Structure formats: structure tokens, C-alpha cells
Amino acid sequence: LPERQASAARYSKPRAIVASAERVDLDTAW
């Protein structure tokens, strides 16, 4: 049976989950 596929959201869609990302500096991260 066929299935309805999801579609990508627009880029400006409000983020329900506020996330952050950064590169880890091994000299200070510990």
C-alpha cells in the first residue's frame, strides 16, 4: 500500500528545540 511522504519545512520555520553547536577545544574542554 502506498504511504504519504513527509516534506521538508521552510528554512524560517520556528525551531521547537533550541540547539547549539560548537567545536571543542581540547586544551580547555576538560
PDB file of all heavy atoms in Angstrom:
ATOM      1  N   LEU A   1       0.830  -1.183   0.000  1.00  0.00           N
ATOM      2  CA  LEU A   1       0.000   0.000   0.000  1.00  0.00           C
ATOM      3  C   LEU A   1       0.877   1.249   0.000  1.00  0.00           C
ATOM      4  O   LEU A   1       1.916   1.294   0.646  1.00  0.00           O
ATOM      5  CB  LEU A   1      -0.909   0.011   1.234  1.00  0.00           C
ATOM      6  CG  LEU A   1      -1.964  -1.093   1.270  1.00  0.00           C
ATOM      7  CD1 LEU A   1      -2.758  -0.981   2.554  1.00  0.00           C
ATOM      8  CD2 LEU A   1      -2.882  -1.021   0.067  1.00  0.00           C
ATOM      9  N   PRO A   2       0.479   2.279  -0.712  1.00  0.00           N
ATOM     10  CA  PRO A   2       1.264   3.500  -0.764  1.00  0.00           C
ATOM     11  C   PRO A   2       1.208   4.240   0.562  1.00  0.00           C
ATOM     12  O   PRO A   2       0.321   4.049   1.372  1.00  0.00           O
ATOM     13  CB  PRO A   2       0.578   4.305  -1.882  1.00  0.00           C
ATOM     14  CG  PRO A   2      -0.824   3.835  -1.837  1.00  0.00           C
ATOM     15  CD  PRO A   2      -0.758   2.367  -1.482  1.00  0.00           C
ATOM     16  N   GLU A   3       2.145   5.124   0.757  1.00  0.00           N
ATOM     17  CA  GLU A   3       2.237   5.851   2.000  1.00  0.00           C
ATOM     18  C   GLU A   3       2.523   7.316   1.694  1.00  0.00           C
ATOM     19  O   GLU A   3       3.288   7.625   0.775  1.00  0.00           O
ATOM     20  CB  GLU A   3       3.359   5.270   2.880  1.00  0.00           C
ATOM     21  CG  GLU A   3       3.126   3.805   3.222  1.00  0.00           C
ATOM     22  CD  GLU A   3       4.364   3.162   3.775  1.00  0.00           C
ATOM     23  OE1 GLU A   3       5.468   3.585   3.400  1.00  0.00           O
ATOM     24  OE2 GLU A   3       4.235   2.249   4.588  1.00  0.00           O
ATOM     25  N   ARG A   4       1.907   8.180   2.434  1.00  0.00           N
ATOM     26  CA  ARG A   4       2.148   9.593   2.240  1.00  0.00           C
ATOM     27  C   ARG A   4       3.506   9.952   2.802  1.00  0.00           C
ATOM     28  O   ARG A   4       3.848   9.594   3.920  1.00  0.00           O
ATOM     29  CB  ARG A   4       1.045  10.406   2.919  1.00  0.00           C
ATOM     30  CG  ARG A   4       1.269  11.897   2.813  1.00  0.00           C
ATOM     31  CD  ARG A   4       0.038  12.653   3.265  1.00  0.00           C
ATOM     32  NE  ARG A   4      -1.085  12.361   2.410  1.00  0.00           N
ATOM     33  CZ  ARG A   4      -2.303  12.828   2.635  1.00  0.00           C
ATOM     34  NH1 ARG A   4      -2.538  13.577   3.674  1.00  0.00           N
ATOM     35  NH2 ARG A   4      -3.292  12.524   1.826  1.00  0.00           N
ATOM     36  N   GLN A   5       4.289  10.668   2.039  1.00  0.00           N
ATOM     37  CA  GLN A   5       5.634  11.004   2.452  1.00  0.00           C
ATOM     38  C   GLN A   5       5.666  12.386   3.080  1.00  0.00           C
ATOM     39  O   GLN A   5       4.898  13.282   2.726  1.00  0.00           O
ATOM     40  CB  GLN A   5       6.583  10.949   1.252  1.00  0.00           C
ATOM     41  CG  GLN A   5       6.728   9.556   0.655  1.00  0.00           C
ATOM     42  CD  GLN A   5       7.551   9.565  -0.596  1.00  0.00           C
ATOM     43  OE1 GLN A   5       7.638  10.569  -1.287  1.00  0.00           O
ATOM     44  NE2 GLN A   5       8.170   8.442  -0.907  1.00  0.00           N
ATOM     45  N   ALA A   6       6.580  12.545   4.044  1.00  0.00           N
ATOM     46  CA  ALA A   6       6.751  13.838   4.684  1.00  0.00           C
ATOM     47  C   ALA A   6       7.533  14.767   3.769  1.00  0.00           C
ATOM     48  O   ALA A   6       8.256  14.333   2.877  1.00  0.00           O
ATOM     49  CB  ALA A   6       7.481  13.656   6.016  1.00  0.00           C
ATOM     50  N   SER A   7       7.401  16.052   3.998  1.00  0.00           N
ATOM     51  CA  SER A   7       8.110  17.051   3.205  1.00  0.00           C
ATOM     52  C   SER A   7       8.908  17.941   4.138  1.00  0.00           C
ATOM     53  O   SER A   7       8.575  18.120   5.310  1.00  0.00           O
ATOM     54  CB  SER A   7       7.124  17.892   2.385  1.00  0.00           C
ATOM     55  OG  SER A   7       6.177  18.518   3.234  1.00  0.00           O
ATOM     56  N   ALA A   8       9.994  18.518   3.593  1.00  0.00           N
ATOM     57  CA  ALA A   8      10.860  19.367   4.397  1.00  0.00           C
ATOM     58  C   ALA A   8      10.166  20.682   4.719  1.00  0.00           C
ATOM     59  O   ALA A   8       9.349  21.193   3.946  1.00  0.00           O
ATOM     60  CB  ALA A   8      12.170  19.625   3.654  1.00  0.00           C
ATOM     61  N   ALA A   9      10.502  21.235   5.862  1.00  0.00           N
ATOM     62  CA  ALA A   9       9.920  22.503   6.291  1.00  0.00           C
ATOM     63  C   ALA A   9      10.643  23.663   5.624  1.00  0.00           C
ATOM     64  O   ALA A   9      11.736  23.508   5.060  1.00  0.00           O
ATOM     65  CB  ALA A   9      10.004  22.636   7.809  1.00  0.00           C
ATOM     66  N   ARG A  10      10.023  24.824   5.676  1.00  0.00           N
ATOM     67  CA  ARG A  10      10.689  26.025   5.175  1.00  0.00           C
ATOM     68  C   ARG A  10      11.837  26.379   6.112  1.00  0.00           C
ATOM     69  O   ARG A  10      11.822  26.027   7.296  1.00  0.00           O
ATOM     70  CB  ARG A  10       9.707  27.182   5.061  1.00  0.00           C
ATOM     71  CG  ARG A  10       9.178  27.693   6.376  1.00  0.00           C
ATOM     72  CD  ARG A  10       8.143  28.800   6.166  1.00  0.00           C
ATOM     73  NE  ARG A  10       7.799  29.463   7.403  1.00  0.00           N
ATOM     74  CZ  ARG A  10       6.915  29.024   8.282  1.00  0.00           C
ATOM     75  NH1 ARG A  10       6.266  27.890   8.037  1.00  0.00           N
ATOM     76  NH2 ARG A  10       6.676  29.684   9.394  1.00  0.00           N
ATOM     77  N   TYR A  11      12.815  27.114   5.605  1.00  0.00           N
ATOM     78  CA  TYR A  11      14.007  27.385   6.399  1.00  0.00           C
ATOM     79  C   TYR A  11      13.698  28.286   7.589  1.00  0.00           C
ATOM     80  O   TYR A  11      14.309  28.154   8.656  1.00  0.00           O
ATOM     81  CB  TYR A  11      15.083  28.040   5.532  1.00  0.00           C
ATOM     82  CG  TYR A  11      16.391  28.237   6.260  1.00  0.00           C
ATOM     83  CD1 TYR A  11      17.245  27.166   6.483  1.00  0.00           C
ATOM     84  CD2 TYR A  11      16.747  29.490   6.765  1.00  0.00           C
ATOM     85  CE1 TYR A  11      18.431  27.334   7.168  1.00  0.00           C
ATOM     86  CE2 TYR A  11      17.937  29.669   7.449  1.00  0.00           C
ATOM     87  CZ  TYR A  11      18.774  28.589   7.653  1.00  0.00           C
ATOM     88  OH  TYR A  11      19.948  28.748   8.337  1.00  0.00           O
ATOM     89  N   SER A  12      12.719  29.175   7.434  1.00  0.00           N
ATOM     90  CA  SER A  12      12.409  30.120   8.508  1.00  0.00           C
ATOM     91  C   SER A  12      11.464  29.541   9.552  1.00  0.00           C
ATOM     92  O   SER A  12      11.024  30.266  10.444  1.00  0.00           O
ATOM     93  CB  SER A  12      11.784  31.389   7.921  1.00  0.00           C
ATOM     94  OG  SER A  12      10.583  31.077   7.227  1.00  0.00           O
ATOM     95  N   LYS A  13      11.126  28.259   9.452  1.00  0.00           N
ATOM     96  CA  LYS A  13      10.203  27.665  10.424  1.00  0.00           C
ATOM     97  C   LYS A  13      10.783  27.794  11.831  1.00  0.00           C
ATOM     98  O   LYS A  13      11.960  27.478  12.062  1.00  0.00           O
ATOM     99  CB  LYS A  13       9.978  26.186  10.097  1.00  0.00           C
ATOM    100  CG  LYS A  13       8.983  25.495  11.034  1.00  0.00           C
ATOM    101  CD  LYS A  13       8.805  24.049  10.641  1.00  0.00           C
ATOM    102  CE  LYS A  13       7.853  23.347  11.601  1.00  0.00           C
ATOM    103  NZ  LYS A  13       6.486  23.899  11.505  1.00  0.00           N
ATOM    104  N   PRO A  14       9.982  28.259  12.779  1.00  0.00           N
ATOM    105  CA  PRO A  14      10.489  28.382  14.153  1.00  0.00           C
ATOM    106  C   PRO A  14      10.961  27.038  14.689  1.00  0.00           C
ATOM    107  O   PRO A  14      10.315  26.016  14.514  1.00  0.00           O
ATOM    108  CB  PRO A  14       9.270  28.906  14.931  1.00  0.00           C
ATOM    109  CG  PRO A  14       8.402  29.547  13.903  1.00  0.00           C
ATOM    110  CD  PRO A  14       8.601  28.756  12.644  1.00  0.00           C
ATOM    111  N   ARG A  15      12.112  27.052  15.368  1.00  0.00           N
ATOM    112  CA  ARG A  15      12.685  25.838  15.935  1.00  0.00           C
ATOM    113  C   ARG A  15      12.027  25.529  17.265  1.00  0.00           C
ATOM    114  O   ARG A  15      12.116  26.332  18.211  1.00  0.00           O
ATOM    115  CB  ARG A  15      14.184  25.992  16.127  1.00  0.00           C
ATOM    116  CG  ARG A  15      15.075  25.611  14.966  1.00  0.00           C
ATOM    117  CD  ARG A  15      14.680  26.181  13.640  1.00  0.00           C
ATOM    118  NE  ARG A  15      15.725  25.952  12.623  1.00  0.00           N
ATOM    119  CZ  ARG A  15      15.590  26.268  11.358  1.00  0.00           C
ATOM    120  NH1 ARG A  15      14.444  26.806  10.926  1.00  0.00           N
ATOM    121  NH2 ARG A  15      16.551  26.047  10.502  1.00  0.00           N
ATOM    122  N   ALA A  16      11.361  24.353  17.338  1.00  0.00           N
ATOM    123  CA  ALA A  16      10.749  23.951  18.606  1.00  0.00           C
ATOM    124  C   ALA A  16      11.816  23.570  19.624  1.00  0.00           C
ATOM    125  O   ALA A  16      11.599  23.674  20.833  1.00  0.00           O
ATOM    126  CB  ALA A  16       9.794  22.785  18.379  1.00  0.00           C
ATOM    127  N   ILE A  17      12.955  23.103  19.145  1.00  0.00           N
ATOM    128  CA  ILE A  17      14.075  22.750  20.010  1.00  0.00           C
ATOM    129  C   ILE A  17      15.216  23.711  19.724  1.00  0.00           C
ATOM    130  O   ILE A  17      15.704  23.797  18.583  1.00  0.00           O
ATOM    131  CB  ILE A  17      14.537  21.305  19.778  1.00  0.00           C
ATOM    132  CG1 ILE A  17      13.401  20.325  20.075  1.00  0.00           C
ATOM    133  CG2 ILE A  17      15.747  20.977  20.635  1.00  0.00           C
ATOM    134  CD1 ILE A  17      13.763  18.878  19.792  1.00  0.00           C
ATOM    135  N   VAL A  18      15.622  24.459  20.726  1.00  0.00           N
ATOM    136  CA  VAL A  18      16.736  25.396  20.570  1.00  0.00           C
ATOM    137  C   VAL A  18      18.020  24.637  20.846  1.00  0.00           C
ATOM    138  O   VAL A  18      18.234  24.129  21.945  1.00  0.00           O
ATOM    139  CB  VAL A  18      16.587  26.596  21.524  1.00  0.00           C
ATOM    140  CG1 VAL A  18      17.767  27.546  21.351  1.00  0.00           C
ATOM    141  CG2 VAL A  18      15.274  27.312  21.276  1.00  0.00           C
ATOM    142  N   ALA A  19      18.849  24.535  19.822  1.00  0.00           N
ATOM    143  CA  ALA A  19      20.085  23.757  19.956  1.00  0.00           C
ATOM    144  C   ALA A  19      21.284  24.643  19.657  1.00  0.00           C
ATOM    145  O   ALA A  19      21.170  25.701  19.030  1.00  0.00           O
ATOM    146  CB  ALA A  19      20.071  22.558  19.016  1.00  0.00           C
ATOM    147  N   SER A  20      22.424  24.202  20.127  1.00  0.00           N
ATOM    148  CA  SER A  20      23.678  24.904  19.893  1.00  0.00           C
ATOM    149  C   SER A  20      24.723  23.904  19.472  1.00  0.00           C
ATOM    150  O   SER A  20      24.608  22.698  19.738  1.00  0.00           O
ATOM    151  CB  SER A  20      24.132  25.654  21.160  1.00  0.00           C
ATOM    152  OG  SER A  20      23.163  26.593  21.569  1.00  0.00           O
ATOM    153  N   ALA A  21      25.741  24.397  18.801  1.00  0.00           N
ATOM    154  CA  ALA A  21      26.835  23.542  18.343  1.00  0.00           C
ATOM    155  C   ALA A  21      28.108  24.363  18.309  1.00  0.00           C
ATOM    156  O   ALA A  21      28.095  25.553  17.969  1.00  0.00           O
ATOM    157  CB  ALA A  21      26.529  22.967  16.961  1.00  0.00           C
ATOM    158  N   GLU A  22      29.197  23.729  18.669  1.00  0.00           N
ATOM    159  CA  GLU A  22      30.491  24.404  18.654  1.00  0.00           C
ATOM    160  C   GLU A  22      31.588  23.359  18.556  1.00  0.00           C
ATOM    161  O   GLU A  22      31.396  22.189  18.914  1.00  0.00           O
ATOM    162  CB  GLU A  22      30.680  25.227  19.927  1.00  0.00           C
ATOM    163  CG  GLU A  22      30.750  24.400  21.196  1.00  0.00           C
ATOM    164  CD  GLU A  22      30.920  25.214  22.454  1.00  0.00           C
ATOM    165  OE1 GLU A  22      30.887  26.449  22.341  1.00  0.00           O
ATOM    166  OE2 GLU A  22      31.083  24.618  23.534  1.00  0.00           O
ATOM    167  N   ARG A  23      32.726  23.807  18.058  1.00  0.00           N
ATOM    168  CA  ARG A  23      33.888  22.914  18.015  1.00  0.00           C
ATOM    169  C   ARG A  23      34.549  22.898  19.385  1.00  0.00           C
ATOM    170  O   ARG A  23      34.646  23.920  20.069  1.00  0.00           O
ATOM    171  CB  ARG A  23      34.880  23.367  16.953  1.00  0.00           C
ATOM    172  CG  ARG A  23      36.068  22.421  16.825  1.00  0.00           C
ATOM    173  CD  ARG A  23      36.903  22.691  15.613  1.00  0.00           C
ATOM    174  NE  ARG A  23      38.010  21.743  15.533  1.00  0.00           N
ATOM    175  CZ  ARG A  23      38.875  21.692  14.531  1.00  0.00           C
ATOM    176  NH1 ARG A  23      38.756  22.545  13.501  1.00  0.00           N
ATOM    177  NH2 ARG A  23      39.848  20.795  14.526  1.00  0.00           N
ATOM    178  N   VAL A  24      35.005  21.724  19.786  1.00  0.00           N
ATOM    179  CA  VAL A  24      35.585  21.533  21.103  1.00  0.00           C
ATOM    180  C   VAL A  24      37.069  21.828  21.062  1.00  0.00           C
ATOM    181  O   VAL A  24      37.801  21.304  20.203  1.00  0.00           O
ATOM    182  CB  VAL A  24      35.335  20.098  21.606  1.00  0.00           C
ATOM    183  CG1 VAL A  24      36.029  19.871  22.942  1.00  0.00           C
ATOM    184  CG2 VAL A  24      33.852  19.837  21.733  1.00  0.00           C
ATOM    185  N   ASP A  25      37.510  22.678  21.985  1.00  0.00           N
ATOM    186  CA  ASP A  25      38.934  22.964  22.163  1.00  0.00           C
ATOM    187  C   ASP A  25      39.457  22.031  23.250  1.00  0.00           C
ATOM    188  O   ASP A  25      39.104  22.154  24.426  1.00  0.00           O
ATOM    189  CB  ASP A  25      39.126  24.430  22.556  1.00  0.00           C
ATOM    190  CG  ASP A  25      40.603  24.807  22.652  1.00  0.00           C
ATOM    191  OD1 ASP A  25      41.456  23.924  22.402  1.00  0.00           O
ATOM    192  OD2 ASP A  25      40.903  25.970  22.972  1.00  0.00           O
ATOM    193  N   LEU A  26      40.267  21.075  22.863  1.00  0.00           N
ATOM    194  CA  LEU A  26      40.732  20.061  23.815  1.00  0.00           C
ATOM    195  C   LEU A  26      41.600  20.657  24.924  1.00  0.00           C
ATOM    196  O   LEU A  26      41.771  20.034  25.981  1.00  0.00           O
ATOM    197  CB  LEU A  26      41.514  18.969  23.081  1.00  0.00           C
ATOM    198  CG  LEU A  26      40.697  18.091  22.127  1.00  0.00           C
ATOM    199  CD1 LEU A  26      41.588  17.064  21.463  1.00  0.00           C
ATOM    200  CD2 LEU A  26      39.553  17.410  22.864  1.00  0.00           C
ATOM    201  N   ASP A  27      42.156  21.848  24.724  1.00  0.00           N
ATOM    202  CA  ASP A  27      43.002  22.446  25.756  1.00  0.00           C
ATOM    203  C   ASP A  27      42.197  22.961  26.944  1.00  0.00           C
ATOM    204  O   ASP A  27      42.707  23.033  28.067  1.00  0.00           O
ATOM    205  CB  ASP A  27      43.822  23.593  25.155  1.00  0.00           C
ATOM    206  CG  ASP A  27      44.828  23.094  24.124  1.00  0.00           C
ATOM    207  OD1 ASP A  27      45.271  21.939  24.257  1.00  0.00           O
ATOM    208  OD2 ASP A  27      45.142  23.851  23.192  1.00  0.00           O
ATOM    209  N   THR A  28      40.935  23.313  26.725  1.00  0.00           N
ATOM    210  CA  THR A  28      40.114  23.877  27.809  1.00  0.00           C
ATOM    211  C   THR A  28      38.860  23.068  28.092  1.00  0.00           C
ATOM    212  O   THR A  28      38.234  23.254  29.132  1.00  0.00           O
ATOM    213  CB  THR A  28      39.704  25.317  27.457  1.00  0.00           C
ATOM    214  OG1 THR A  28      38.955  25.299  26.232  1.00  0.00           O
ATOM    215  CG2 THR A  28      40.929  26.200  27.283  1.00  0.00           C
ATOM    216  N   ALA A  29      38.472  22.177  27.174  1.00  0.00           N
ATOM    217  CA  ALA A  29      37.200  21.465  27.341  1.00  0.00           C
ATOM    218  C   ALA A  29      37.207  20.576  28.571  1.00  0.00           C
ATOM    219  O   ALA A  29      36.177  20.420  29.239  1.00  0.00           O
ATOM    220  CB  ALA A  29      36.914  20.634  26.094  1.00  0.00           C
ATOM    221  N   TRP A  30      38.345  19.968  28.903  1.00  0.00           N
ATOM    222  CA  TRP A  30      38.370  19.054  30.036  1.00  0.00           C
ATOM    223  C   TRP A  30      38.081  19.781  31.348  1.00  0.00           C
ATOM    224  O   TRP A  30      37.466  19.229  32.260  1.00  0.00           O
ATOM    225  CB  TRP A  30      39.722  18.347  30.122  1.00  0.00           C
ATOM    226  CG  TRP A  30      40.876  19.247  30.486  1.00  0.00           C
ATOM    227  CD1 TRP A  30      41.641  19.984  29.643  1.00  0.00           C
ATOM    228  CD2 TRP A  30      41.389  19.471  31.800  1.00  0.00           C
ATOM    229  NE1 TRP A  30      42.597  20.677  30.343  1.00  0.00           N
ATOM    230  CE2 TRP A  30      42.474  20.377  31.673  1.00  0.00           C
ATOM    231  CE3 TRP A  30      41.040  19.018  33.071  1.00  0.00           C
ATOM    232  CZ2 TRP A  30      43.192  20.827  32.773  1.00  0.00           C
ATOM    233  CZ3 TRP A  30      41.767  19.464  34.164  1.00  0.00           C
ATOM    234  CH2 TRP A  30      42.837  20.353  33.994  1.00  0.00           C
TER     235      TRP A  30
END
